[in-house]
Amino acid sequence: MDTEFTIKLVTATVASVGALLGSLHYLTTRQSVRYQNSKTEMELLSQSIAAHEAEPDLKKFLLDVRKEKISFLVFGIPIPNADIERVIAYYRKAEGKVTTGDIAKAWQYRDPCTKPLSFQLRGSFKKQYIGTQAYGVFCILATTVGVLAWVFDVDVKQAVALVCVALVSFVLVTVMSQDLYTAARLAKLEKKHNLLEATDESSSS
């Protein structure tokens, strides 16, 4: 194998991994800062609630605000008070299968019109989910073709390049679509739960 080509390939791979790690570090740091800010806001809200005991209306408003802030600390995102009980109920039904983190990841992809728990994917996200799966299959096929070309010594340089690009693309798409995959998993669990409930109802009747 050409030494210059190998150096370029290794350099490109290292640069891609470094960029990915840098992005993950940035996102993690940003999330940590947001979490700390939210905790500070909770402390200030608690102090304000205690200071306005003599004003019931204002106290109730501050309690509602704090309740919504608590959902950020628990689920990782602020969930409106109107939805929090439904989310907690869903979490209890799926205990052992779903974590609060899973719910937080899936929340942005939900279809608010779907009942009762609104965890089914919206139309645009359904297409995105199918697209990412199709692209993942394409990357696997490209990797397979590259490996076969490498084994049969058709063109080693092109085969190695194809395998590396396909694998890096597959990893990047998988990482970037992790939350979407989680949302799809919750949607499947919900469908299964609703189907079991319908079956039980029909059996009892």
C-alpha atoms as a PDB file:
ATOM      1  CA  MET A   1       0.000   0.000   0.000  1.00  0.00           C
ATOM      2  CA  ASP A   2       1.229   3.543  -0.825  1.00  0.00           C
ATOM      3  CA  THR A   3       2.694   5.205   2.282  1.00  0.00           C
ATOM      4  CA  GLU A   4       1.537   8.693   1.270  1.00  0.00           C
ATOM      5  CA  PHE A   5      -2.022   7.456   0.737  1.00  0.00           C
ATOM      6  CA  THR A   6      -1.987   5.721   4.134  1.00  0.00           C
ATOM      7  CA  ILE A   7      -0.791   8.902   5.865  1.00  0.00           C
ATOM      8  CA  LYS A   8      -3.505  10.976   4.219  1.00  0.00           C
ATOM      9  CA  LEU A   9      -6.148   8.410   5.124  1.00  0.00           C
ATOM     10  CA  VAL A  10      -5.044   8.213   8.767  1.00  0.00           C
ATOM     11  CA  THR A  11      -4.849  12.021   9.003  1.00  0.00           C
ATOM     12  CA  ALA A  12      -8.368  12.430   7.606  1.00  0.00           C
ATOM     13  CA  THR A  13      -9.726   9.782   9.988  1.00  0.00           C
ATOM     14  CA  VAL A  14      -8.027  11.343  13.023  1.00  0.00           C
ATOM     15  CA  ALA A  15      -9.326  14.799  12.017  1.00  0.00           C
ATOM     16  CA  SER A  16     -12.881  13.467  11.672  1.00  0.00           C
ATOM     17  CA  VAL A  17     -12.764  11.727  15.056  1.00  0.00           C
ATOM     18  CA  GLY A  18     -11.258  14.841  16.653  1.00  0.00           C
ATOM     19  CA  ALA A  19     -14.004  17.045  15.215  1.00  0.00           C
ATOM     20  CA  LEU A  20     -16.662  14.623  16.479  1.00  0.00           C
ATOM     21  CA  LEU A  21     -15.156  14.497  19.988  1.00  0.00           C
ATOM     22  CA  GLY A  22     -14.866  18.290  20.037  1.00  0.00           C
ATOM     23  CA  SER A  23     -18.531  18.668  19.101  1.00  0.00           C
ATOM     24  CA  LEU A  24     -19.611  16.181  21.767  1.00  0.00           C
ATOM     25  CA  HIS A  25     -17.518  18.000  24.397  1.00  0.00           C
ATOM     26  CA  TYR A  26     -19.082  21.332  23.426  1.00  0.00           C
ATOM     27  CA  LEU A  27     -22.609  19.943  23.609  1.00  0.00           C
ATOM     28  CA  THR A  28     -21.928  18.262  26.971  1.00  0.00           C
ATOM     29  CA  THR A  29     -20.459  21.455  28.445  1.00  0.00           C
ATOM     30  CA  ARG A  30     -23.390  23.486  27.163  1.00  0.00           C
ATOM     31  CA  GLN A  31     -25.869  21.055  28.689  1.00  0.00           C
ATOM     32  CA  SER A  32     -24.014  21.169  32.031  1.00  0.00           C
ATOM     33  CA  VAL A  33     -24.144  24.975  32.096  1.00  0.00           C
ATOM     34  CA  ARG A  34     -27.871  24.956  31.320  1.00  0.00           C
ATOM     35  CA  TYR A  35     -28.425  22.428  34.106  1.00  0.00           C
ATOM     36  CA  GLN A  36     -26.551  24.570  36.646  1.00  0.00           C
ATOM     37  CA  ASN A  37     -28.474  27.674  35.579  1.00  0.00           C
ATOM     38  CA  SER A  38     -31.734  25.805  36.029  1.00  0.00           C
ATOM     39  CA  LYS A  39     -30.767  24.716  39.544  1.00  0.00           C
ATOM     40  CA  THR A  40     -29.982  28.325  40.439  1.00  0.00           C
ATOM     41  CA  GLU A  41     -33.364  29.417  39.084  1.00  0.00           C
ATOM     42  CA  MET A  42     -35.037  26.728  41.218  1.00  0.00           C
ATOM     43  CA  GLU A  43     -33.348  28.043  44.351  1.00  0.00           C
ATOM     44  CA  LEU A  44     -34.412  31.616  43.567  1.00  0.00           C
ATOM     45  CA  LEU A  45     -37.989  30.480  42.877  1.00  0.00           C
ATOM     46  CA  SER A  46     -38.137  28.628  46.194  1.00  0.00           C
ATOM     47  CA  GLN A  47     -36.983  31.768  47.996  1.00  0.00           C
ATOM     48  CA  SER A  48     -39.592  33.858  46.157  1.00  0.00           C
ATOM     49  CA  ILE A  49     -42.381  31.397  47.017  1.00  0.00           C
ATOM     50  CA  ALA A  50     -41.446  31.541  50.687  1.00  0.00           C
ATOM     51  CA  ALA A  51     -41.340  35.351  50.564  1.00  0.00           C
ATOM     52  CA  HIS A  52     -44.852  35.653  49.044  1.00  0.00           C
ATOM     53  CA  GLU A  53     -46.844  33.507  51.473  1.00  0.00           C
ATOM     54  CA  ALA A  54     -49.230  36.427  52.020  1.00  0.00           C
ATOM     55  CA  GLU A  55     -50.026  36.700  48.286  1.00  0.00           C
ATOM     56  CA  PRO A  56     -51.846  33.479  47.265  1.00  0.00           C
ATOM     57  CA  ASP A  57     -52.241  34.313  43.548  1.00  0.00           C
ATOM     58  CA  LEU A  58     -48.589  35.208  43.072  1.00  0.00           C
ATOM     59  CA  LYS A  59     -47.496  32.210  45.126  1.00  0.00           C
ATOM     60  CA  LYS A  60     -49.603  29.864  42.973  1.00  0.00           C
ATOM     61  CA  PHE A  61     -48.088  31.345  39.814  1.00  0.00           C
ATOM     62  CA  LEU A  62     -44.559  30.872  41.169  1.00  0.00           C
ATOM     63  CA  LEU A  63     -45.414  27.287  42.168  1.00  0.00           C
ATOM     64  CA  ASP A  64     -46.545  26.547  38.587  1.00  0.00           C
ATOM     65  CA  VAL A  65     -43.328  28.037  37.224  1.00  0.00           C
ATOM     66  CA  ARG A  66     -41.246  25.960  39.634  1.00  0.00           C
ATOM     67  CA  LYS A  67     -43.148  22.793  38.709  1.00  0.00           C
ATOM     68  CA  GLU A  68     -42.279  23.313  35.050  1.00  0.00           C
ATOM     69  CA  LYS A  69     -38.643  23.992  35.973  1.00  0.00           C
ATOM     70  CA  ILE A  70     -38.537  20.735  37.923  1.00  0.00           C
ATOM     71  CA  SER A  71     -39.380  18.861  34.719  1.00  0.00           C
ATOM     72  CA  PHE A  72     -36.160  20.207  33.202  1.00  0.00           C
ATOM     73  CA  LEU A  73     -34.106  18.867  36.101  1.00  0.00           C
ATOM     74  CA  VAL A  74     -35.813  15.457  35.896  1.00  0.00           C
ATOM     75  CA  PHE A  75     -36.343  14.972  32.156  1.00  0.00           C
ATOM     76  CA  GLY A  76     -33.619  17.244  30.770  1.00  0.00           C
ATOM     77  CA  ILE A  77     -36.142  19.560  29.071  1.00  0.00           C
ATOM     78  CA  PRO A  78     -38.914  21.851  30.371  1.00  0.00           C
ATOM     79  CA  ILE A  79     -42.221  20.036  29.899  1.00  0.00           C
ATOM     80  CA  PRO A  80     -45.426  22.123  30.164  1.00  0.00           C
ATOM     81  CA  ASN A  81     -47.489  21.500  33.296  1.00  0.00           C
ATOM     82  CA  ALA A  82     -50.438  20.392  31.161  1.00  0.00           C
ATOM     83  CA  ASP A  83     -48.369  17.440  29.899  1.00  0.00           C
ATOM     84  CA  ILE A  84     -46.299  16.531  32.936  1.00  0.00           C
ATOM     85  CA  GLU A  85     -48.862  14.179  34.509  1.00  0.00           C
ATOM     86  CA  ARG A  86     -49.308  12.295  31.238  1.00  0.00           C
ATOM     87  CA  VAL A  87     -45.540  11.893  30.893  1.00  0.00           C
ATOM     88  CA  ILE A  88     -45.193  10.642  34.471  1.00  0.00           C
ATOM     89  CA  ALA A  89     -48.039   8.172  33.887  1.00  0.00           C
ATOM     90  CA  TYR A  90     -46.313   6.894  30.758  1.00  0.00           C
ATOM     91  CA  TYR A  91     -43.039   6.559  32.638  1.00  0.00           C
ATOM     92  CA  ARG A  92     -44.744   4.495  35.337  1.00  0.00           C
ATOM     93  CA  LYS A  93     -46.452   2.187  32.822  1.00  0.00           C
ATOM     94  CA  ALA A  94     -43.178   1.539  31.004  1.00  0.00           C
ATOM     95  CA  GLU A  95     -41.052   1.288  34.153  1.00  0.00           C
ATOM     96  CA  GLY A  96     -37.908  -0.716  33.510  1.00  0.00           C
ATOM     97  CA  LYS A  97     -38.059  -0.071  29.771  1.00  0.00           C
ATOM     98  CA  VAL A  98     -38.048   3.734  29.614  1.00  0.00           C
ATOM     99  CA  THR A  99     -35.917   6.247  31.492  1.00  0.00           C
ATOM    100  CA  THR A 100     -36.542   9.939  32.036  1.00  0.00           C
ATOM    101  CA  GLY A 101     -33.657  10.576  29.654  1.00  0.00           C
ATOM    102  CA  ASP A 102     -35.426   8.556  26.955  1.00  0.00           C
ATOM    103  CA  ILE A 103     -38.559  10.656  27.409  1.00  0.00           C
ATOM    104  CA  ALA A 104     -36.541  13.870  27.164  1.00  0.00           C
ATOM    105  CA  LYS A 105     -34.908  12.703  23.924  1.00  0.00           C
ATOM    106  CA  ALA A 106     -38.210  11.652  22.400  1.00  0.00           C
ATOM    107  CA  TRP A 107     -40.196  14.711  23.450  1.00  0.00           C
ATOM    108  CA  GLN A 108     -39.177  16.949  20.524  1.00  0.00           C
ATOM    109  CA  TYR A 109     -40.237  14.313  17.973  1.00  0.00           C
ATOM    110  CA  ARG A 110     -43.676  13.538  19.411  1.00  0.00           C
ATOM    111  CA  ASP A 111     -46.970  14.105  17.628  1.00  0.00           C
ATOM    112  CA  PRO A 112     -49.122  16.233  19.995  1.00  0.00           C
ATOM    113  CA  CYS A 113     -52.287  15.174  18.148  1.00  0.00           C
ATOM    114  CA  THR A 114     -51.783  11.489  18.976  1.00  0.00           C
ATOM    115  CA  LYS A 115     -53.611  10.133  22.011  1.00  0.00           C
ATOM    116  CA  PRO A 116     -53.257   9.184  24.783  1.00  0.00           C
ATOM    117  CA  LEU A 117     -49.534   9.717  25.323  1.00  0.00           C
ATOM    118  CA  SER A 118     -48.396  11.586  22.205  1.00  0.00           C
ATOM    119  CA  PHE A 119     -45.145   9.704  21.687  1.00  0.00           C
ATOM    120  CA  GLN A 120     -45.834   8.687  18.088  1.00  0.00           C
ATOM    121  CA  LEU A 121     -43.506  10.341  15.572  1.00  0.00           C
ATOM    122  CA  ARG A 122     -44.746  13.295  13.531  1.00  0.00           C
ATOM    123  CA  GLY A 123     -44.940  12.772   9.756  1.00  0.00           C
ATOM    124  CA  SER A 124     -41.716  14.643   8.957  1.00  0.00           C
ATOM    125  CA  PHE A 125     -39.794  12.701  11.589  1.00  0.00           C
ATOM    126  CA  LYS A 126     -41.185   9.399  10.315  1.00  0.00           C
ATOM    127  CA  LYS A 127     -39.658  10.205   6.920  1.00  0.00           C
ATOM    128  CA  GLN A 128     -36.392  11.248   8.569  1.00  0.00           C
ATOM    129  CA  TYR A 129     -36.296   8.008  10.574  1.00  0.00           C
ATOM    130  CA  ILE A 130     -36.889   5.887   7.468  1.00  0.00           C
ATOM    131  CA  GLY A 131     -34.262   7.939   5.604  1.00  0.00           C
ATOM    132  CA  THR A 132     -31.606   7.409   8.271  1.00  0.00           C
ATOM    133  CA  GLN A 133     -32.300   3.673   8.329  1.00  0.00           C
ATOM    134  CA  ALA A 134     -32.028   3.503   4.530  1.00  0.00           C
ATOM    135  CA  TYR A 135     -28.771   5.476   4.626  1.00  0.00           C
ATOM    136  CA  GLY A 136     -27.426   3.139   7.310  1.00  0.00           C
ATOM    137  CA  VAL A 137     -28.182   0.140   5.106  1.00  0.00           C
ATOM    138  CA  PHE A 138     -26.472   1.911   2.191  1.00  0.00           C
ATOM    139  CA  CYS A 139     -23.349   2.495   4.326  1.00  0.00           C
ATOM    140  CA  ILE A 140     -23.268  -1.178   5.332  1.00  0.00           C
ATOM    141  CA  LEU A 141     -23.602  -2.260   1.691  1.00  0.00           C
ATOM    142  CA  ALA A 142     -20.828   0.160   0.686  1.00  0.00           C
ATOM    143  CA  THR A 143     -18.599  -1.249   3.437  1.00  0.00           C
ATOM    144  CA  THR A 144     -19.322  -4.800   2.245  1.00  0.00           C
ATOM    145  CA  VAL A 145     -18.486  -3.913  -1.356  1.00  0.00           C
ATOM    146  CA  GLY A 146     -15.261  -2.241  -0.225  1.00  0.00           C
ATOM    147  CA  VAL A 147     -14.210  -5.239   1.854  1.00  0.00           C
ATOM    148  CA  LEU A 148     -14.920  -7.624  -1.040  1.00  0.00           C
ATOM    149  CA  ALA A 149     -12.931  -5.414  -3.408  1.00  0.00           C
ATOM    150  CA  TRP A 150     -10.092  -5.374  -0.878  1.00  0.00           C
ATOM    151  CA  VAL A 151     -10.165  -9.167  -0.436  1.00  0.00           C
ATOM    152  CA  PHE A 152     -10.151  -9.813  -4.161  1.00  0.00           C
ATOM    153  CA  ASP A 153      -7.507  -7.114  -4.691  1.00  0.00           C
ATOM    154  CA  VAL A 154      -9.549  -5.228  -7.289  1.00  0.00           C
ATOM    155  CA  ASP A 155      -8.242  -1.796  -6.294  1.00  0.00           C
ATOM    156  CA  VAL A 156      -6.803  -1.634  -2.787  1.00  0.00           C
ATOM    157  CA  LYS A 157      -6.666   2.170  -2.487  1.00  0.00           C
ATOM    158  CA  GLN A 158     -10.217   2.726  -3.624  1.00  0.00           C
ATOM    159  CA  ALA A 159     -11.465  -0.196  -1.536  1.00  0.00           C
ATOM    160  CA  VAL A 160      -9.834   1.142   1.643  1.00  0.00           C
ATOM    161  CA  ALA A 161     -11.142   4.654   0.980  1.00  0.00           C
ATOM    162  CA  LEU A 162     -14.672   3.339   0.359  1.00  0.00           C
ATOM    163  CA  VAL A 163     -14.649   1.264   3.567  1.00  0.00           C
ATOM    164  CA  CYS A 164     -13.347   4.161   5.691  1.00  0.00           C
ATOM    165  CA  VAL A 165     -15.795   6.719   4.275  1.00  0.00           C
ATOM    166  CA  ALA A 166     -18.745   4.333   4.634  1.00  0.00           C
ATOM    167  CA  LEU A 167     -17.861   3.421   8.230  1.00  0.00           C
ATOM    168  CA  VAL A 168     -17.277   7.037   9.297  1.00  0.00           C
ATOM    169  CA  SER A 169     -20.553   8.096   7.639  1.00  0.00           C
ATOM    170  CA  PHE A 170     -22.417   5.257   9.360  1.00  0.00           C
ATOM    171  CA  VAL A 171     -21.028   6.198  12.796  1.00  0.00           C
ATOM    172  CA  LEU A 172     -21.790   9.907  12.322  1.00  0.00           C
ATOM    173  CA  VAL A 173     -25.359   9.261  11.167  1.00  0.00           C
ATOM    174  CA  THR A 174     -25.936   6.829  14.049  1.00  0.00           C
ATOM    175  CA  VAL A 175     -24.659   9.315  16.650  1.00  0.00           C
ATOM    176  CA  MET A 176     -26.583  12.240  15.176  1.00  0.00           C
ATOM    177  CA  SER A 177     -29.811  10.217  14.942  1.00  0.00           C
ATOM    178  CA  GLN A 178     -29.597   8.595  18.388  1.00  0.00           C
ATOM    179  CA  ASP A 179     -32.411  10.718  19.835  1.00  0.00           C
ATOM    180  CA  LEU A 180     -34.605   9.967  16.824  1.00  0.00           C
ATOM    181  CA  TYR A 181     -33.997   6.238  17.259  1.00  0.00           C
ATOM    182  CA  THR A 182     -34.960   6.558  20.938  1.00  0.00           C
ATOM    183  CA  ALA A 183     -38.184   8.333  19.961  1.00  0.00           C
ATOM    184  CA  ALA A 184     -38.994   5.582  17.468  1.00  0.00           C
ATOM    185  CA  ARG A 185     -38.397   2.962  20.176  1.00  0.00           C
ATOM    186  CA  LEU A 186     -40.819   4.730  22.538  1.00  0.00           C
ATOM    187  CA  ALA A 187     -43.381   4.954  19.752  1.00  0.00           C
ATOM    188  CA  LYS A 188     -43.113   1.193  19.215  1.00  0.00           C
ATOM    189  CA  LEU A 189     -43.481   0.557  22.957  1.00  0.00           C
ATOM    190  CA  GLU A 190     -46.565   2.752  23.021  1.00  0.00           C
ATOM    191  CA  LYS A 191     -48.127   0.918  20.063  1.00  0.00           C
ATOM    192  CA  LYS A 192     -47.423  -2.393  21.760  1.00  0.00           C
ATOM    193  CA  HIS A 193     -48.927  -1.135  25.030  1.00  0.00           C
ATOM    194  CA  ASN A 194     -52.070   0.159  23.271  1.00  0.00           C
ATOM    195  CA  LEU A 195     -52.435  -3.128  21.379  1.00  0.00           C
ATOM    196  CA  LEU A 196     -52.203  -5.138  24.604  1.00  0.00           C
ATOM    197  CA  GLU A 197     -54.796  -2.890  26.249  1.00  0.00           C
ATOM    198  CA  ALA A 198     -57.148  -3.293  23.284  1.00  0.00           C
ATOM    199  CA  THR A 199     -56.676  -7.086  23.402  1.00  0.00           C
ATOM    200  CA  ASP A 200     -57.404  -7.194  27.131  1.00  0.00           C
ATOM    201  CA  GLU A 201     -60.542  -5.092  26.676  1.00  0.00           C
ATOM    202  CA  SER A 202     -61.843  -7.334  23.892  1.00  0.00           C
ATOM    203  CA  SER A 203     -61.099 -10.450  25.970  1.00  0.00           C
ATOM    204  CA  SER A 204     -62.906  -9.116  29.023  1.00  0.00           C
ATOM    205  CA  SER A 205     -65.937  -8.084  26.964  1.00  0.00           C
END
